[in-house]
Amino acid sequence: MKFEDTSQNLRARLRFLQALAILMLTLLGVRLYVLQVVRGERYGVIAENQRRRRLPIPAPRGVIFDREGRVVVDSRPIYNVILSREDVKGKALLSLTAPLAEGLAIDTDILRERFEQVTPAFESILVKQDATPGDIAWVEAHNLEFPELRVEQQPQRRYPANGMLAHVLGYVGEISPEQLKQQSYKDKGLKPGDVIGQSGIEQLYDDYLRGRDGYRE
């Protein structure tokens, strides 16, 4: 009798283990079906977006000529330090403020304000404009510590050295937080770090002179 009871208990345990194994395999199959079939396309798009990063190419600002066809205002190349938000992994963005401000000689409050601007996660942030050779060397030396930083070339306006027509030509500057809140600038799709005409001809014909940024993958 005792042997039969033991045998029955063993068979009951085996049936329980078999049922448990079948249940686990069924749950695993359902999970795989959801990931590969139901959500497969969505995850595929996410993976492709992570693999193919869109990097902005700043548009060169248009040249201003006088009535004789002579160049009055053009642009020269400068280098900017850019932070890619997609590469900020495992870090709080604001935690980068102090080390970057110290290393690149930037005002901490200005840098923090740029970091706090609401932008899409894929948008890059202008950390420093017109970087010096020392700034560029610092970025390269700290590449392992701050892989999210890169240096990009951008055109900068060049005006007559004698200052003639300065009040007529005007000037350009980085768009301010106050301007970003205005609907007219929102409609143009401008973002923190963009350079726009702030006065004179530069402002009056900004839509024509600014151009449209491109992207590379």
N, C-alpha and C. Protein backbone atom coordinates (compact mmCIF):
# COMPACT_ATOMS: atom_id res chain seq x y z
N MET A 1 0.84 -1.22 0.00
CA MET A 1 0.00 0.00 0.00
C MET A 1 0.87 1.26 0.00
N LYS A 2 1.92 1.22 0.82
CA LYS A 2 2.79 2.39 0.90
C LYS A 2 3.49 2.64 -0.43
N PHE A 3 3.89 1.53 -1.10
CA PHE A 3 4.55 1.66 -2.40
C PHE A 3 3.63 2.28 -3.43
N GLU A 4 2.35 1.87 -3.41
CA GLU A 4 1.38 2.42 -4.36
C GLU A 4 1.15 3.91 -4.12
N ASP A 5 1.08 4.30 -2.83
CA ASP A 5 0.90 5.72 -2.51
C ASP A 5 2.07 6.55 -3.02
N THR A 6 3.26 6.01 -2.82
CA THR A 6 4.46 6.73 -3.28
C THR A 6 4.46 6.87 -4.80
N SER A 7 4.07 5.78 -5.48
CA SER A 7 4.02 5.80 -6.94
C SER A 7 2.99 6.82 -7.44
N GLN A 8 1.84 6.87 -6.79
CA GLN A 8 0.82 7.83 -7.19
C GLN A 8 1.28 9.27 -6.96
N ASN A 9 1.96 9.49 -5.83
CA ASN A 9 2.48 10.84 -5.56
C ASN A 9 3.52 11.26 -6.59
N LEU A 10 4.35 10.29 -7.00
CA LEU A 10 5.37 10.58 -7.99
C LEU A 10 4.75 10.94 -9.33
N ARG A 11 3.71 10.14 -9.72
CA ARG A 11 3.02 10.44 -10.99
C ARG A 11 2.33 11.80 -10.93
N ALA A 12 1.76 12.13 -9.77
CA ALA A 12 1.09 13.43 -9.63
C ALA A 12 2.09 14.58 -9.77
N ARG A 13 3.26 14.39 -9.18
CA ARG A 13 4.29 15.42 -9.29
C ARG A 13 4.78 15.58 -10.72
N LEU A 14 4.94 14.43 -11.40
CA LEU A 14 5.38 14.49 -12.79
C LEU A 14 4.36 15.21 -13.67
N ARG A 15 3.07 14.90 -13.43
CA ARG A 15 2.02 15.58 -14.21
C ARG A 15 2.03 17.09 -13.93
N PHE A 16 2.27 17.44 -12.67
CA PHE A 16 2.32 18.87 -12.31
C PHE A 16 3.49 19.56 -13.01
N LEU A 17 4.66 18.89 -13.01
CA LEU A 17 5.83 19.47 -13.66
C LEU A 17 5.62 19.59 -15.17
N GLN A 18 4.97 18.56 -15.76
CA GLN A 18 4.68 18.62 -17.19
C GLN A 18 3.74 19.77 -17.52
N ALA A 19 2.70 19.92 -16.69
CA ALA A 19 1.75 21.02 -16.91
C ALA A 19 2.44 22.37 -16.76
N LEU A 20 3.33 22.47 -15.77
CA LEU A 20 4.06 23.73 -15.55
C LEU A 20 4.97 24.05 -16.73
N ALA A 21 5.64 23.00 -17.24
CA ALA A 21 6.53 23.20 -18.39
C ALA A 21 5.74 23.64 -19.62
N ILE A 22 4.58 23.00 -19.85
CA ILE A 22 3.74 23.37 -20.99
C ILE A 22 3.25 24.81 -20.86
N LEU A 23 2.88 25.20 -19.63
CA LEU A 23 2.41 26.57 -19.40
C LEU A 23 3.51 27.58 -19.68
N MET A 24 4.73 27.28 -19.22
CA MET A 24 5.85 28.21 -19.43
C MET A 24 6.19 28.33 -20.92
N LEU A 25 6.16 27.19 -21.63
CA LEU A 25 6.43 27.23 -23.06
C LEU A 25 5.35 28.01 -23.80
N THR A 26 4.09 27.84 -23.37
CA THR A 26 2.99 28.58 -23.99
C THR A 26 3.15 30.08 -23.78
N LEU A 27 3.48 30.48 -22.54
CA LEU A 27 3.68 31.90 -22.25
C LEU A 27 4.85 32.46 -23.05
N LEU A 28 5.92 31.68 -23.18
CA LEU A 28 7.07 32.12 -23.96
C LEU A 28 6.71 32.29 -25.43
N GLY A 29 5.91 31.34 -25.95
CA GLY A 29 5.48 31.44 -27.34
C GLY A 29 4.62 32.67 -27.58
N VAL A 30 3.71 32.94 -26.65
CA VAL A 30 2.85 34.13 -26.78
C VAL A 30 3.70 35.40 -26.76
N ARG A 31 4.68 35.43 -25.85
CA ARG A 31 5.55 36.60 -25.74
C ARG A 31 6.34 36.82 -27.03
N LEU A 32 6.89 35.74 -27.58
CA LEU A 32 7.64 35.86 -28.83
C LEU A 32 6.74 36.32 -29.97
N TYR A 33 5.51 35.83 -30.00
CA TYR A 33 4.57 36.24 -31.04
C TYR A 33 4.29 37.73 -30.95
N VAL A 34 4.08 38.22 -29.72
CA VAL A 34 3.80 39.65 -29.54
C VAL A 34 4.98 40.50 -29.99
N LEU A 35 6.21 40.08 -29.61
CA LEU A 35 7.40 40.86 -29.94
C LEU A 35 7.69 40.85 -31.43
N GLN A 36 7.54 39.68 -32.07
CA GLN A 36 7.94 39.55 -33.46
C GLN A 36 6.85 39.94 -34.45
N VAL A 37 5.61 39.68 -34.11
CA VAL A 37 4.51 39.92 -35.06
C VAL A 37 3.74 41.18 -34.72
N VAL A 38 3.23 41.24 -33.50
CA VAL A 38 2.38 42.38 -33.13
C VAL A 38 3.18 43.67 -33.04
N ARG A 39 4.34 43.62 -32.35
CA ARG A 39 5.13 44.83 -32.16
C ARG A 39 6.41 44.84 -32.99
N GLY A 40 6.56 43.87 -33.84
CA GLY A 40 7.79 43.76 -34.60
C GLY A 40 8.10 44.98 -35.43
N GLU A 41 7.09 45.50 -36.13
CA GLU A 41 7.31 46.66 -36.99
C GLU A 41 7.71 47.88 -36.17
N ARG A 42 7.04 48.07 -35.02
CA ARG A 42 7.33 49.24 -34.17
C ARG A 42 8.76 49.17 -33.65
N TYR A 43 9.16 48.00 -33.14
CA TYR A 43 10.52 47.87 -32.62
C TYR A 43 11.55 47.97 -33.74
N GLY A 44 11.17 47.52 -34.92
CA GLY A 44 12.08 47.65 -36.06
C GLY A 44 12.35 49.10 -36.40
N VAL A 45 11.31 49.92 -36.36
CA VAL A 45 11.47 51.35 -36.63
C VAL A 45 12.35 52.00 -35.58
N ILE A 46 12.13 51.64 -34.30
CA ILE A 46 12.94 52.20 -33.22
C ILE A 46 14.41 51.83 -33.39
N ALA A 47 14.65 50.55 -33.71
CA ALA A 47 16.04 50.11 -33.89
C ALA A 47 16.70 50.81 -35.07
N GLU A 48 15.94 51.00 -36.14
CA GLU A 48 16.49 51.67 -37.32
C GLU A 48 16.81 53.12 -37.01
N ASN A 49 15.95 53.79 -36.24
CA ASN A 49 16.20 55.18 -35.87
C ASN A 49 17.43 55.31 -34.99
N GLN A 50 17.65 54.32 -34.12
CA GLN A 50 18.84 54.35 -33.28
C GLN A 50 20.09 54.10 -34.10
N ARG A 51 19.98 53.27 -35.12
CA ARG A 51 21.15 52.96 -35.94
C ARG A 51 21.48 54.09 -36.88
N ARG A 52 20.44 54.73 -37.43
CA ARG A 52 20.63 55.80 -38.40
C ARG A 52 20.35 57.13 -37.71
N ARG A 53 21.38 57.80 -37.29
CA ARG A 53 21.24 59.07 -36.59
C ARG A 53 21.30 60.22 -37.60
N ARG A 54 20.41 61.16 -37.43
CA ARG A 54 20.38 62.33 -38.31
C ARG A 54 21.17 63.45 -37.65
N LEU A 55 22.25 63.87 -38.31
CA LEU A 55 23.07 64.97 -37.81
C LEU A 55 22.81 66.20 -38.67
N PRO A 56 22.58 67.35 -38.03
CA PRO A 56 22.26 68.56 -38.80
C PRO A 56 23.47 69.11 -39.54
N ILE A 57 23.22 69.68 -40.71
CA ILE A 57 24.23 70.41 -41.48
C ILE A 57 23.76 71.86 -41.57
N PRO A 58 24.38 72.78 -40.81
CA PRO A 58 23.92 74.18 -40.82
C PRO A 58 24.00 74.78 -42.22
N ALA A 59 22.94 75.48 -42.60
CA ALA A 59 22.91 76.13 -43.91
C ALA A 59 23.80 77.38 -43.87
N PRO A 60 24.63 77.60 -44.90
CA PRO A 60 25.42 78.84 -44.95
C PRO A 60 24.50 80.03 -45.17
N ARG A 61 24.73 81.10 -44.43
CA ARG A 61 23.89 82.29 -44.56
C ARG A 61 24.23 83.00 -45.86
N GLY A 62 23.21 83.59 -46.48
CA GLY A 62 23.39 84.22 -47.78
C GLY A 62 24.32 85.43 -47.74
N VAL A 63 24.91 85.72 -48.88
CA VAL A 63 25.83 86.86 -49.04
C VAL A 63 25.03 88.11 -49.37
N ILE A 64 25.44 89.26 -48.82
CA ILE A 64 24.80 90.54 -49.11
C ILE A 64 25.72 91.34 -50.03
N PHE A 65 25.18 91.80 -51.16
CA PHE A 65 25.94 92.59 -52.13
C PHE A 65 25.45 94.03 -52.14
N ASP A 66 26.31 94.94 -52.62
CA ASP A 66 25.85 96.31 -52.84
C ASP A 66 25.30 96.41 -54.26
N ARG A 67 24.86 97.59 -54.64
CA ARG A 67 24.23 97.73 -55.95
C ARG A 67 25.20 97.54 -57.11
N GLU A 68 26.50 97.58 -56.82
CA GLU A 68 27.51 97.34 -57.86
C GLU A 68 27.91 95.87 -57.94
N GLY A 69 27.27 95.04 -57.13
CA GLY A 69 27.58 93.62 -57.15
C GLY A 69 28.78 93.23 -56.31
N ARG A 70 29.25 94.15 -55.48
CA ARG A 70 30.40 93.86 -54.62
C ARG A 70 29.92 93.26 -53.29
N VAL A 71 30.70 92.33 -52.78
CA VAL A 71 30.33 91.67 -51.53
C VAL A 71 30.48 92.65 -50.36
N VAL A 72 29.40 92.79 -49.60
CA VAL A 72 29.41 93.64 -48.42
C VAL A 72 29.49 92.79 -47.15
N VAL A 73 28.71 91.72 -47.13
CA VAL A 73 28.70 90.82 -45.98
C VAL A 73 28.77 89.38 -46.48
N ASP A 74 29.67 88.60 -45.92
CA ASP A 74 29.72 87.18 -46.23
C ASP A 74 30.00 86.41 -44.93
N SER A 75 30.43 85.19 -45.05
CA SER A 75 30.63 84.36 -43.85
C SER A 75 32.01 83.71 -43.87
N ARG A 76 32.52 83.43 -42.69
CA ARG A 76 33.77 82.70 -42.53
C ARG A 76 33.50 81.46 -41.69
N PRO A 77 34.30 80.41 -41.85
CA PRO A 77 34.05 79.18 -41.08
C PRO A 77 34.52 79.31 -39.64
N ILE A 78 33.71 78.85 -38.71
CA ILE A 78 34.09 78.74 -37.30
C ILE A 78 33.77 77.33 -36.84
N TYR A 79 34.17 77.01 -35.62
CA TYR A 79 33.93 75.68 -35.08
C TYR A 79 33.11 75.78 -33.80
N ASN A 80 32.08 74.95 -33.71
CA ASN A 80 31.20 74.92 -32.55
C ASN A 80 31.31 73.58 -31.83
N VAL A 81 31.15 73.62 -30.52
CA VAL A 81 31.09 72.39 -29.72
C VAL A 81 29.62 72.01 -29.56
N ILE A 82 29.27 70.81 -30.00
CA ILE A 82 27.89 70.34 -30.02
C ILE A 82 27.75 69.13 -29.10
N LEU A 83 26.60 69.05 -28.42
CA LEU A 83 26.30 67.89 -27.58
C LEU A 83 25.14 67.13 -28.20
N SER A 84 25.35 65.84 -28.44
CA SER A 84 24.31 64.98 -28.99
C SER A 84 23.51 64.36 -27.86
N ARG A 85 22.24 64.73 -27.75
CA ARG A 85 21.41 64.23 -26.65
C ARG A 85 21.18 62.73 -26.75
N GLU A 86 21.25 62.17 -27.96
CA GLU A 86 21.06 60.73 -28.11
C GLU A 86 22.18 59.94 -27.44
N ASP A 87 23.36 60.56 -27.29
CA ASP A 87 24.51 59.86 -26.71
C ASP A 87 24.62 60.04 -25.21
N VAL A 88 23.73 60.83 -24.61
CA VAL A 88 23.77 61.02 -23.16
C VAL A 88 23.06 59.83 -22.52
N LYS A 89 23.80 58.78 -22.28
CA LYS A 89 23.23 57.54 -21.76
C LYS A 89 23.70 57.32 -20.32
N GLY A 90 22.77 57.07 -19.45
CA GLY A 90 23.11 56.82 -18.06
C GLY A 90 23.57 58.05 -17.32
N LYS A 91 23.34 59.22 -17.89
CA LYS A 91 23.74 60.47 -17.24
C LYS A 91 22.55 61.42 -17.20
N ALA A 92 22.51 62.23 -16.15
CA ALA A 92 21.54 63.33 -16.12
C ALA A 92 22.16 64.49 -16.88
N LEU A 93 21.39 65.06 -17.80
CA LEU A 93 21.93 66.10 -18.67
C LEU A 93 22.53 67.25 -17.86
N LEU A 94 21.82 67.66 -16.81
CA LEU A 94 22.30 68.79 -16.01
C LEU A 94 23.58 68.46 -15.24
N SER A 95 23.87 67.18 -15.05
CA SER A 95 25.10 66.81 -14.35
C SER A 95 26.34 67.13 -15.17
N LEU A 96 26.16 67.38 -16.47
CA LEU A 96 27.28 67.73 -17.34
C LEU A 96 27.60 69.22 -17.28
N THR A 97 26.73 70.01 -16.66
CA THR A 97 26.88 71.46 -16.68
C THR A 97 28.22 71.90 -16.10
N ALA A 98 28.51 71.47 -14.88
CA ALA A 98 29.72 71.94 -14.19
C ALA A 98 31.01 71.54 -14.91
N PRO A 99 31.21 70.26 -15.26
CA PRO A 99 32.47 69.91 -15.92
C PRO A 99 32.65 70.55 -17.29
N LEU A 100 31.57 70.69 -18.07
CA LEU A 100 31.69 71.31 -19.38
C LEU A 100 31.91 72.81 -19.25
N ALA A 101 31.23 73.45 -18.31
CA ALA A 101 31.42 74.89 -18.10
C ALA A 101 32.86 75.19 -17.70
N GLU A 102 33.43 74.35 -16.86
CA GLU A 102 34.81 74.56 -16.42
C GLU A 102 35.80 74.25 -17.55
N GLY A 103 35.59 73.14 -18.24
CA GLY A 103 36.54 72.74 -19.27
C GLY A 103 36.54 73.64 -20.48
N LEU A 104 35.37 74.22 -20.82
CA LEU A 104 35.25 75.05 -22.02
C LEU A 104 35.10 76.53 -21.71
N ALA A 105 35.27 76.91 -20.44
CA ALA A 105 35.20 78.32 -20.02
C ALA A 105 33.88 78.96 -20.45
N ILE A 106 32.78 78.35 -20.03
CA ILE A 106 31.44 78.84 -20.34
C ILE A 106 30.76 79.23 -19.03
N ASP A 107 29.94 80.27 -19.08
CA ASP A 107 29.17 80.65 -17.91
C ASP A 107 28.20 79.52 -17.54
N THR A 108 28.24 79.09 -16.29
CA THR A 108 27.43 77.95 -15.85
C THR A 108 25.94 78.19 -16.04
N ASP A 109 25.47 79.39 -15.73
CA ASP A 109 24.04 79.70 -15.84
C ASP A 109 23.58 79.65 -17.29
N ILE A 110 24.41 80.16 -18.20
CA ILE A 110 24.05 80.14 -19.62
C ILE A 110 23.96 78.70 -20.13
N LEU A 111 24.93 77.87 -19.75
CA LEU A 111 24.93 76.48 -20.19
C LEU A 111 23.75 75.72 -19.61
N ARG A 112 23.44 75.96 -18.34
CA ARG A 112 22.29 75.29 -17.72
C ARG A 112 20.99 75.69 -18.42
N GLU A 113 20.88 76.96 -18.79
CA GLU A 113 19.68 77.42 -19.48
C GLU A 113 19.51 76.72 -20.82
N ARG A 114 20.61 76.50 -21.52
CA ARG A 114 20.54 75.79 -22.79
C ARG A 114 20.10 74.35 -22.59
N PHE A 115 20.61 73.72 -21.55
CA PHE A 115 20.26 72.33 -21.28
C PHE A 115 18.79 72.20 -20.88
N GLU A 116 18.26 73.23 -20.25
CA GLU A 116 16.87 73.16 -19.76
C GLU A 116 15.85 73.48 -20.84
N GLN A 117 16.31 73.96 -22.00
CA GLN A 117 15.38 74.25 -23.08
C GLN A 117 14.71 72.96 -23.53
N VAL A 118 13.41 73.01 -23.75
CA VAL A 118 12.65 71.83 -24.16
C VAL A 118 12.86 71.61 -25.65
N THR A 119 13.53 70.52 -26.02
CA THR A 119 13.76 70.17 -27.41
C THR A 119 13.53 68.68 -27.59
N PRO A 120 13.23 68.23 -28.80
CA PRO A 120 13.10 66.79 -29.03
C PRO A 120 14.38 66.06 -28.66
N ALA A 121 14.25 64.82 -28.27
CA ALA A 121 15.40 64.05 -27.79
C ALA A 121 16.48 63.89 -28.86
N PHE A 122 16.12 63.96 -30.13
CA PHE A 122 17.11 63.76 -31.18
C PHE A 122 17.84 65.04 -31.56
N GLU A 123 17.40 66.19 -31.02
CA GLU A 123 18.03 67.46 -31.35
C GLU A 123 19.35 67.61 -30.60
N SER A 124 20.35 68.17 -31.27
CA SER A 124 21.63 68.45 -30.63
C SER A 124 21.57 69.80 -29.93
N ILE A 125 22.49 70.02 -29.00
CA ILE A 125 22.54 71.25 -28.22
C ILE A 125 23.86 71.96 -28.51
N LEU A 126 23.78 73.26 -28.81
CA LEU A 126 24.98 74.06 -28.99
C LEU A 126 25.58 74.36 -27.62
N VAL A 127 26.75 73.83 -27.36
CA VAL A 127 27.42 74.05 -26.08
C VAL A 127 28.27 75.31 -26.12
N LYS A 128 29.08 75.47 -27.18
CA LYS A 128 29.91 76.67 -27.31
C LYS A 128 30.09 77.02 -28.77
N GLN A 129 29.89 78.28 -29.08
CA GLN A 129 30.05 78.78 -30.45
C GLN A 129 31.43 79.41 -30.61
N ASP A 130 31.99 79.28 -31.81
CA ASP A 130 33.31 79.84 -32.13
C ASP A 130 34.36 79.32 -31.14
N ALA A 131 34.48 78.01 -31.09
CA ALA A 131 35.42 77.39 -30.16
C ALA A 131 36.86 77.71 -30.56
N THR A 132 37.70 77.88 -29.55
CA THR A 132 39.11 78.15 -29.77
C THR A 132 39.85 76.84 -30.03
N PRO A 133 41.09 76.91 -30.55
CA PRO A 133 41.87 75.68 -30.69
C PRO A 133 42.02 74.94 -29.36
N GLY A 134 42.10 75.71 -28.26
CA GLY A 134 42.19 75.07 -26.94
C GLY A 134 40.92 74.32 -26.59
N ASP A 135 39.75 74.89 -26.96
CA ASP A 135 38.47 74.20 -26.71
C ASP A 135 38.40 72.89 -27.50
N ILE A 136 38.81 72.96 -28.75
CA ILE A 136 38.77 71.77 -29.61
C ILE A 136 39.70 70.69 -29.06
N ALA A 137 40.88 71.11 -28.61
CA ALA A 137 41.83 70.15 -28.03
C ALA A 137 41.26 69.53 -26.76
N TRP A 138 40.53 70.32 -25.97
CA TRP A 138 39.93 69.79 -24.73
C TRP A 138 38.87 68.74 -25.05
N VAL A 139 38.03 69.00 -26.05
CA VAL A 139 37.01 68.03 -26.45
C VAL A 139 37.65 66.73 -26.90
N GLU A 140 38.71 66.84 -27.71
CA GLU A 140 39.38 65.63 -28.20
C GLU A 140 40.06 64.87 -27.06
N ALA A 141 40.64 65.61 -26.11
CA ALA A 141 41.33 64.95 -24.99
C ALA A 141 40.37 64.25 -24.05
N HIS A 142 39.12 64.72 -24.00
CA HIS A 142 38.12 64.14 -23.09
C HIS A 142 37.06 63.35 -23.84
N ASN A 143 37.43 62.81 -24.99
CA ASN A 143 36.47 62.08 -25.82
C ASN A 143 35.91 60.85 -25.12
N LEU A 144 36.72 60.15 -24.37
CA LEU A 144 36.24 58.96 -23.66
C LEU A 144 35.33 59.32 -22.51
N GLU A 145 35.60 60.45 -21.87
CA GLU A 145 34.78 60.88 -20.73
C GLU A 145 33.46 61.49 -21.18
N PHE A 146 33.50 62.22 -22.32
CA PHE A 146 32.30 62.88 -22.84
C PHE A 146 32.12 62.52 -24.32
N PRO A 147 31.75 61.26 -24.62
CA PRO A 147 31.59 60.85 -26.02
C PRO A 147 30.43 61.55 -26.72
N GLU A 148 29.55 62.21 -25.95
CA GLU A 148 28.41 62.90 -26.54
C GLU A 148 28.79 64.24 -27.16
N LEU A 149 30.03 64.68 -26.97
CA LEU A 149 30.48 65.96 -27.53
C LEU A 149 31.11 65.75 -28.90
N ARG A 150 30.93 66.71 -29.78
CA ARG A 150 31.60 66.71 -31.08
C ARG A 150 31.83 68.16 -31.51
N VAL A 151 32.72 68.34 -32.46
CA VAL A 151 33.03 69.67 -32.99
C VAL A 151 32.55 69.74 -34.43
N GLU A 152 31.80 70.79 -34.75
CA GLU A 152 31.27 70.96 -36.10
C GLU A 152 31.64 72.34 -36.64
N GLN A 153 31.85 72.38 -37.94
CA GLN A 153 32.14 73.65 -38.59
C GLN A 153 30.84 74.36 -38.95
N GLN A 154 30.83 75.69 -38.78
CA GLN A 154 29.65 76.49 -39.09
C GLN A 154 30.11 77.84 -39.63
N PRO A 155 29.39 78.41 -40.59
CA PRO A 155 29.77 79.74 -41.09
C PRO A 155 29.38 80.84 -40.12
N GLN A 156 30.23 81.87 -39.99
CA GLN A 156 29.94 83.03 -39.15
C GLN A 156 30.04 84.30 -40.00
N ARG A 157 29.16 85.26 -39.73
CA ARG A 157 29.10 86.48 -40.53
C ARG A 157 30.38 87.30 -40.41
N ARG A 158 30.74 87.93 -41.55
CA ARG A 158 31.91 88.80 -41.61
C ARG A 158 31.47 90.13 -42.23
N TYR A 159 31.61 91.21 -41.44
CA TYR A 159 31.15 92.54 -41.84
C TYR A 159 32.34 93.43 -42.19
N PRO A 160 32.08 94.57 -42.87
CA PRO A 160 33.17 95.50 -43.20
C PRO A 160 33.94 95.91 -41.95
N ALA A 161 35.28 95.89 -42.05
CA ALA A 161 36.12 96.17 -40.89
C ALA A 161 35.98 97.59 -40.39
N ASN A 162 35.64 98.52 -41.29
CA ASN A 162 35.55 99.92 -40.88
C ASN A 162 34.22 100.26 -40.21
N GLY A 163 33.32 99.29 -40.12
CA GLY A 163 32.04 99.53 -39.44
C GLY A 163 31.05 100.33 -40.25
N MET A 164 31.35 100.61 -41.51
CA MET A 164 30.43 101.38 -42.35
C MET A 164 29.13 100.60 -42.55
N LEU A 165 28.03 101.31 -42.54
CA LEU A 165 26.69 100.76 -42.76
C LEU A 165 26.28 99.76 -41.68
N ALA A 166 26.93 99.79 -40.53
CA ALA A 166 26.61 98.83 -39.49
C ALA A 166 25.16 98.93 -39.06
N HIS A 167 24.65 100.17 -38.97
CA HIS A 167 23.26 100.36 -38.53
C HIS A 167 22.27 99.93 -39.61
N VAL A 168 22.71 99.92 -40.86
CA VAL A 168 21.85 99.49 -41.96
C VAL A 168 21.91 97.96 -42.13
N LEU A 169 23.12 97.43 -42.11
CA LEU A 169 23.29 95.99 -42.30
C LEU A 169 22.74 95.19 -41.13
N GLY A 170 22.88 95.75 -39.92
CA GLY A 170 22.42 95.04 -38.73
C GLY A 170 23.40 93.96 -38.31
N TYR A 171 22.90 92.97 -37.62
CA TYR A 171 23.76 91.89 -37.14
C TYR A 171 22.92 90.64 -36.89
N VAL A 172 23.61 89.52 -36.70
CA VAL A 172 22.93 88.26 -36.39
C VAL A 172 23.34 87.83 -34.98
N GLY A 173 22.54 86.96 -34.39
CA GLY A 173 22.84 86.44 -33.06
C GLY A 173 22.00 85.22 -32.78
N GLU A 174 22.40 84.48 -31.76
CA GLU A 174 21.65 83.28 -31.38
C GLU A 174 20.26 83.67 -30.89
N ILE A 175 19.27 82.92 -31.32
CA ILE A 175 17.89 83.21 -30.92
C ILE A 175 17.78 83.10 -29.40
N SER A 176 17.07 84.04 -28.79
CA SER A 176 16.97 84.10 -27.33
C SER A 176 15.79 83.25 -26.84
N PRO A 177 15.80 82.89 -25.54
CA PRO A 177 14.66 82.15 -24.98
C PRO A 177 13.35 82.91 -25.14
N GLU A 178 13.40 84.25 -25.03
CA GLU A 178 12.18 85.05 -25.18
C GLU A 178 11.65 84.96 -26.61
N GLN A 179 12.55 85.00 -27.59
CA GLN A 179 12.11 84.89 -28.99
C GLN A 179 11.55 83.51 -29.29
N LEU A 180 12.11 82.49 -28.67
CA LEU A 180 11.62 81.13 -28.90
C LEU A 180 10.18 80.96 -28.44
N LYS A 181 9.74 81.77 -27.50
CA LYS A 181 8.37 81.69 -27.00
C LYS A 181 7.37 82.38 -27.92
N GLN A 182 7.86 83.21 -28.84
CA GLN A 182 6.97 83.96 -29.73
C GLN A 182 6.46 83.04 -30.85
N GLN A 183 5.19 83.16 -31.16
CA GLN A 183 4.56 82.28 -32.14
C GLN A 183 5.19 82.42 -33.52
N SER A 184 5.59 83.65 -33.88
CA SER A 184 6.16 83.86 -35.21
C SER A 184 7.44 83.05 -35.41
N TYR A 185 8.23 82.89 -34.34
CA TYR A 185 9.46 82.09 -34.44
C TYR A 185 9.15 80.60 -34.34
N LYS A 186 8.13 80.25 -33.55
CA LYS A 186 7.73 78.84 -33.47
C LYS A 186 7.28 78.33 -34.83
N ASP A 187 6.54 79.18 -35.56
CA ASP A 187 6.03 78.78 -36.87
C ASP A 187 7.16 78.49 -37.86
N LYS A 188 8.33 79.08 -37.62
CA LYS A 188 9.47 78.87 -38.52
C LYS A 188 10.30 77.65 -38.13
N GLY A 189 9.90 76.99 -37.04
CA GLY A 189 10.61 75.79 -36.62
C GLY A 189 11.99 76.05 -36.04
N LEU A 190 12.20 77.25 -35.51
CA LEU A 190 13.51 77.58 -34.94
C LEU A 190 13.69 76.90 -33.59
N LYS A 191 14.94 76.65 -33.24
CA LYS A 191 15.26 75.92 -32.01
C LYS A 191 16.44 76.59 -31.31
N PRO A 192 16.68 76.26 -30.03
CA PRO A 192 17.82 76.84 -29.32
C PRO A 192 19.13 76.61 -30.07
N GLY A 193 19.95 77.66 -30.15
CA GLY A 193 21.22 77.56 -30.86
C GLY A 193 21.16 78.09 -32.28
N ASP A 194 19.96 78.26 -32.85
CA ASP A 194 19.85 78.81 -34.20
C ASP A 194 20.27 80.27 -34.22
N VAL A 195 20.90 80.68 -35.31
CA VAL A 195 21.35 82.06 -35.48
C VAL A 195 20.41 82.76 -36.45
N ILE A 196 19.91 83.93 -36.04
CA ILE A 196 18.95 84.68 -36.86
C ILE A 196 19.38 86.13 -36.95
N GLY A 197 18.80 86.86 -37.91
CA GLY A 197 19.03 88.30 -38.00
C GLY A 197 18.33 89.02 -36.85
N GLN A 198 19.06 89.90 -36.19
CA GLN A 198 18.51 90.58 -35.02
C GLN A 198 18.20 92.05 -35.28
N SER A 199 18.74 92.62 -36.35
CA SER A 199 18.43 94.01 -36.68
C SER A 199 18.83 94.28 -38.13
N GLY A 200 18.41 95.44 -38.65
CA GLY A 200 18.80 95.87 -39.99
C GLY A 200 18.39 94.92 -41.09
N ILE A 201 19.18 94.94 -42.16
CA ILE A 201 18.91 94.08 -43.32
C ILE A 201 18.95 92.60 -42.92
N GLU A 202 19.83 92.27 -42.00
CA GLU A 202 19.93 90.87 -41.55
C GLU A 202 18.60 90.38 -40.99
N GLN A 203 17.90 91.24 -40.28
CA GLN A 203 16.61 90.87 -39.70
C GLN A 203 15.50 90.96 -40.74
N LEU A 204 15.52 92.02 -41.54
CA LEU A 204 14.46 92.25 -42.51
C LEU A 204 14.38 91.11 -43.54
N TYR A 205 15.53 90.63 -43.97
CA TYR A 205 15.57 89.57 -44.99
C TYR A 205 16.04 88.23 -44.40
N ASP A 206 15.78 88.03 -43.12
CA ASP A 206 16.28 86.84 -42.45
C ASP A 206 15.77 85.55 -43.10
N ASP A 207 14.51 85.52 -43.50
CA ASP A 207 13.95 84.31 -44.09
C ASP A 207 14.68 83.92 -45.37
N TYR A 208 15.20 84.90 -46.09
CA TYR A 208 15.92 84.63 -47.34
C TYR A 208 17.40 84.31 -47.07
N LEU A 209 17.98 84.99 -46.11
CA LEU A 209 19.41 84.84 -45.84
C LEU A 209 19.72 83.59 -45.02
N ARG A 210 18.81 83.19 -44.15
CA ARG A 210 19.08 82.09 -43.22
C ARG A 210 19.17 80.75 -43.91
N GLY A 211 18.38 80.53 -44.94
CA GLY A 211 18.40 79.24 -45.61
C GLY A 211 17.75 78.15 -44.78
N ARG A 212 17.98 76.94 -45.15
CA ARG A 212 17.36 75.80 -44.47
C ARG A 212 18.43 74.75 -44.19
N ASP A 213 18.53 74.34 -42.93
CA ASP A 213 19.54 73.34 -42.55
C ASP A 213 19.26 72.01 -43.23
N GLY A 214 20.33 71.29 -43.51
CA GLY A 214 20.22 69.94 -44.04
C GLY A 214 20.57 68.93 -42.97
N TYR A 215 20.56 67.66 -43.34
CA TYR A 215 20.88 66.59 -42.39
C TYR A 215 21.68 65.51 -43.10
N ARG A 216 22.51 64.85 -42.33
CA ARG A 216 23.22 63.67 -42.84
C ARG A 216 23.02 62.54 -41.85
N GLU A 217 23.12 61.32 -42.34
CA GLU A 217 22.90 60.15 -41.48
C GLU A 217 24.21 59.42 -41.24
